N, C-alpha and C. Protein backbone atom coordinates (compact mmCIF):
# COMPACT_ATOMS: atom_id res chain seq x y z
N MET A 1 -29.17 -146.65 -74.53
CA MET A 1 -29.12 -147.38 -73.19
C MET A 1 -28.44 -148.81 -73.67
N SER A 2 -27.62 -149.17 -73.20
CA SER A 2 -26.74 -150.23 -73.44
C SER A 2 -27.35 -151.52 -73.20
N LEU A 3 -26.57 -152.53 -73.58
CA LEU A 3 -27.28 -154.12 -73.28
C LEU A 3 -27.29 -154.43 -71.57
N GLN A 4 -26.08 -153.86 -71.12
CA GLN A 4 -25.63 -154.09 -69.92
C GLN A 4 -27.10 -153.29 -68.97
N ASP A 5 -27.22 -152.09 -69.43
CA ASP A 5 -28.26 -151.25 -68.55
C ASP A 5 -29.37 -151.98 -68.52
N THR A 6 -29.49 -152.56 -69.61
CA THR A 6 -31.23 -153.34 -70.10
C THR A 6 -31.22 -154.44 -69.01
N PHE A 7 -30.16 -155.15 -68.86
CA PHE A 7 -29.97 -156.36 -68.19
C PHE A 7 -30.04 -156.03 -66.66
N TYR A 8 -29.51 -154.80 -66.21
CA TYR A 8 -29.59 -154.30 -64.91
C TYR A 8 -30.98 -153.76 -64.45
N LEU A 9 -31.60 -153.26 -65.70
CA LEU A 9 -33.03 -152.79 -65.34
C LEU A 9 -33.69 -153.91 -65.25
N LEU A 10 -33.63 -155.20 -66.09
CA LEU A 10 -34.62 -156.19 -65.94
C LEU A 10 -34.16 -156.90 -64.47
N GLY A 11 -33.32 -157.11 -64.27
CA GLY A 11 -32.96 -157.25 -62.48
C GLY A 11 -33.45 -157.02 -61.89
N ILE A 12 -33.30 -155.58 -61.64
CA ILE A 12 -33.91 -154.88 -60.44
C ILE A 12 -35.60 -155.02 -60.62
N ILE A 13 -36.29 -154.82 -61.67
CA ILE A 13 -37.74 -155.58 -61.80
C ILE A 13 -38.01 -156.50 -61.50
N TYR A 14 -37.41 -157.43 -61.82
CA TYR A 14 -37.69 -158.91 -61.44
C TYR A 14 -37.32 -159.11 -60.01
N MET A 15 -36.15 -158.69 -59.13
CA MET A 15 -36.19 -158.64 -58.07
C MET A 15 -37.16 -157.56 -56.89
N SER A 16 -37.61 -157.06 -57.59
CA SER A 16 -38.78 -156.09 -56.92
C SER A 16 -40.23 -156.80 -57.16
N LEU A 17 -40.45 -156.98 -58.02
CA LEU A 17 -41.45 -158.03 -58.32
C LEU A 17 -41.48 -159.17 -57.30
N MET A 18 -40.44 -160.04 -57.42
CA MET A 18 -40.15 -161.01 -56.47
C MET A 18 -40.71 -160.60 -55.03
N LEU A 19 -40.02 -159.47 -54.66
CA LEU A 19 -40.04 -159.06 -53.00
C LEU A 19 -41.50 -158.76 -52.86
N LEU A 20 -42.48 -158.18 -53.87
CA LEU A 20 -43.49 -157.67 -53.76
C LEU A 20 -44.53 -158.97 -53.61
N ILE A 21 -44.04 -160.22 -54.47
CA ILE A 21 -44.87 -161.24 -54.20
C ILE A 21 -44.39 -161.98 -53.11
N MET A 22 -43.47 -162.26 -52.76
CA MET A 22 -43.13 -162.63 -51.15
C MET A 22 -43.80 -161.94 -49.87
N LEU A 23 -43.68 -160.83 -50.09
CA LEU A 23 -44.35 -160.17 -48.96
C LEU A 23 -45.91 -160.19 -49.11
N ILE A 24 -46.75 -160.44 -50.14
CA ILE A 24 -48.15 -160.68 -50.41
C ILE A 24 -48.04 -161.90 -49.77
N THR A 25 -47.84 -162.95 -50.16
CA THR A 25 -47.77 -164.16 -50.02
C THR A 25 -47.37 -164.23 -48.20
N VAL A 26 -46.58 -163.66 -47.65
CA VAL A 26 -46.45 -163.84 -46.12
C VAL A 26 -48.09 -163.26 -45.87
N VAL A 27 -48.46 -162.29 -46.14
CA VAL A 27 -49.62 -161.42 -45.62
C VAL A 27 -50.42 -162.63 -45.65
N ALA A 28 -50.80 -163.14 -47.04
CA ALA A 28 -51.84 -164.00 -47.20
C ALA A 28 -51.79 -165.10 -46.32
N VAL A 29 -50.64 -165.64 -46.01
CA VAL A 29 -50.58 -167.09 -45.02
C VAL A 29 -51.07 -166.51 -43.91
N LEU A 30 -50.60 -165.18 -43.07
CA LEU A 30 -50.88 -164.88 -41.77
C LEU A 30 -52.03 -164.59 -41.57
N VAL A 31 -52.96 -164.02 -42.80
CA VAL A 31 -54.38 -163.82 -42.94
C VAL A 31 -55.34 -165.48 -42.29
N ILE A 32 -54.62 -166.34 -43.45
CA ILE A 32 -55.18 -167.52 -43.55
C ILE A 32 -55.30 -168.37 -42.01
N LYS A 33 -53.99 -167.68 -41.54
CA LYS A 33 -53.81 -168.70 -40.09
C LYS A 33 -54.47 -168.33 -39.25
N ALA A 34 -54.91 -167.11 -39.13
CA ALA A 34 -55.75 -166.41 -38.28
C ALA A 34 -57.08 -166.61 -38.42
N LYS A 35 -57.67 -166.82 -39.68
CA LYS A 35 -58.98 -167.16 -40.17
C LYS A 35 -59.26 -168.78 -39.55
N VAL A 36 -58.09 -169.59 -39.64
CA VAL A 36 -58.23 -170.59 -39.17
C VAL A 36 -58.19 -170.84 -37.89
N ASN A 37 -57.48 -169.96 -37.54
CA ASN A 37 -57.35 -170.28 -35.45
C ASN A 37 -58.71 -169.66 -35.22
N ALA A 38 -59.55 -168.92 -35.89
CA ALA A 38 -60.64 -168.19 -35.60
C ALA A 38 -61.84 -169.48 -35.23
N ILE A 39 -61.67 -170.13 -36.40
CA ILE A 39 -62.62 -171.30 -36.69
C ILE A 39 -61.97 -172.37 -35.82
N HIS A 40 -61.08 -172.39 -35.56
CA HIS A 40 -60.85 -173.89 -34.27
C HIS A 40 -61.35 -173.48 -33.17
N ARG A 41 -61.00 -171.99 -32.88
CA ARG A 41 -61.68 -171.77 -31.48
C ARG A 41 -63.38 -171.64 -31.52
N HIS A 42 -63.76 -171.20 -32.47
CA HIS A 42 -64.98 -171.42 -32.37
C HIS A 42 -65.87 -172.68 -32.27
N ILE A 43 -65.01 -173.62 -32.83
CA ILE A 43 -65.42 -174.81 -32.93
C ILE A 43 -65.26 -175.67 -31.60
N GLU A 44 -64.31 -175.38 -30.96
CA GLU A 44 -63.69 -175.18 -29.69
C GLU A 44 -65.00 -175.23 -28.57
N GLU A 45 -65.29 -173.83 -28.55
CA GLU A 45 -66.11 -173.23 -27.92
C GLU A 45 -67.54 -174.26 -28.10
N LYS A 46 -67.93 -174.63 -29.39
CA LYS A 46 -69.28 -175.22 -29.12
C LYS A 46 -69.16 -176.80 -28.92
N LEU A 47 -68.26 -177.30 -28.96
CA LEU A 47 -67.63 -178.77 -28.59
C LEU A 47 -67.46 -178.46 -27.00
N ASN A 48 -67.14 -177.41 -26.21
CA ASN A 48 -67.40 -177.28 -24.80
C ASN A 48 -68.63 -176.98 -24.33
N THR A 49 -69.55 -176.36 -25.07
CA THR A 49 -71.15 -176.22 -25.00
C THR A 49 -71.44 -177.59 -24.73
N ILE A 50 -71.17 -178.27 -25.96
CA ILE A 50 -71.87 -179.35 -25.94
C ILE A 50 -71.70 -180.35 -24.69
N VAL A 51 -70.14 -180.43 -24.20
CA VAL A 51 -69.83 -181.34 -23.42
C VAL A 51 -70.42 -180.83 -22.18
N ASN A 52 -70.68 -179.60 -21.79
CA ASN A 52 -71.05 -179.36 -20.39
C ASN A 52 -72.58 -179.37 -20.51
N VAL A 53 -73.30 -179.76 -21.75
CA VAL A 53 -74.84 -179.83 -21.35
C VAL A 53 -74.63 -181.51 -21.30
N ALA A 54 -73.91 -182.10 -21.71
CA ALA A 54 -73.86 -183.76 -21.55
C ALA A 54 -73.46 -183.75 -20.42
N HIS A 55 -72.90 -183.11 -19.46
CA HIS A 55 -72.24 -183.31 -17.96
C HIS A 55 -73.41 -183.15 -17.05
N MET A 56 -74.06 -181.87 -17.72
CA MET A 56 -75.37 -181.36 -16.73
C MET A 56 -76.29 -182.41 -17.13
N GLY A 57 -76.60 -183.37 -18.22
CA GLY A 57 -77.60 -184.31 -18.37
C GLY A 57 -77.38 -185.29 -17.46
N GLU A 58 -76.08 -185.77 -17.55
CA GLU A 58 -75.52 -186.85 -16.72
C GLU A 58 -75.86 -186.75 -15.26
N ALA A 59 -75.52 -185.75 -14.86
CA ALA A 59 -75.60 -185.43 -13.44
C ALA A 59 -77.30 -185.14 -12.98
N LEU A 60 -78.05 -184.79 -14.09
CA LEU A 60 -79.99 -184.84 -13.71
C LEU A 60 -79.97 -186.24 -13.61
N VAL A 61 -79.43 -187.10 -14.64
CA VAL A 61 -79.63 -188.78 -14.76
C VAL A 61 -79.59 -189.22 -13.24
N GLU A 62 -78.30 -189.05 -12.72
CA GLU A 62 -77.86 -189.59 -11.60
C GLU A 62 -78.61 -189.02 -10.34
N ARG A 63 -78.88 -187.71 -10.39
CA ARG A 63 -79.99 -187.40 -9.25
C ARG A 63 -81.21 -187.87 -9.39
N PHE A 64 -81.79 -188.11 -10.34
CA PHE A 64 -82.91 -188.68 -10.50
C PHE A 64 -83.12 -190.28 -10.02
N LYS A 65 -81.81 -190.89 -10.29
CA LYS A 65 -81.85 -192.33 -9.86
C LYS A 65 -81.64 -192.48 -8.46
N ARG A 66 -80.91 -191.43 -7.76
CA ARG A 66 -81.19 -191.46 -6.41
C ARG A 66 -82.34 -191.21 -5.63
N LYS A 67 -83.27 -191.02 -6.17
CA LYS A 67 -84.62 -190.63 -5.77
C LYS A 67 -85.34 -191.68 -5.60
């Protein structure tokens, strides 16, 4: 094996590893993004529940004030 063949082999190995690392990074970013979006939706649902309960409480207070 000549020096040129060794250099090409190292280049192929390096490019293959970089492609693999890039694909793993993209998949990791997509998974993290999905988890963050799920947490965001969960927090929004809880916040909407709290807001709805607060509005119901305000409506009850207004109703009892009228009586």
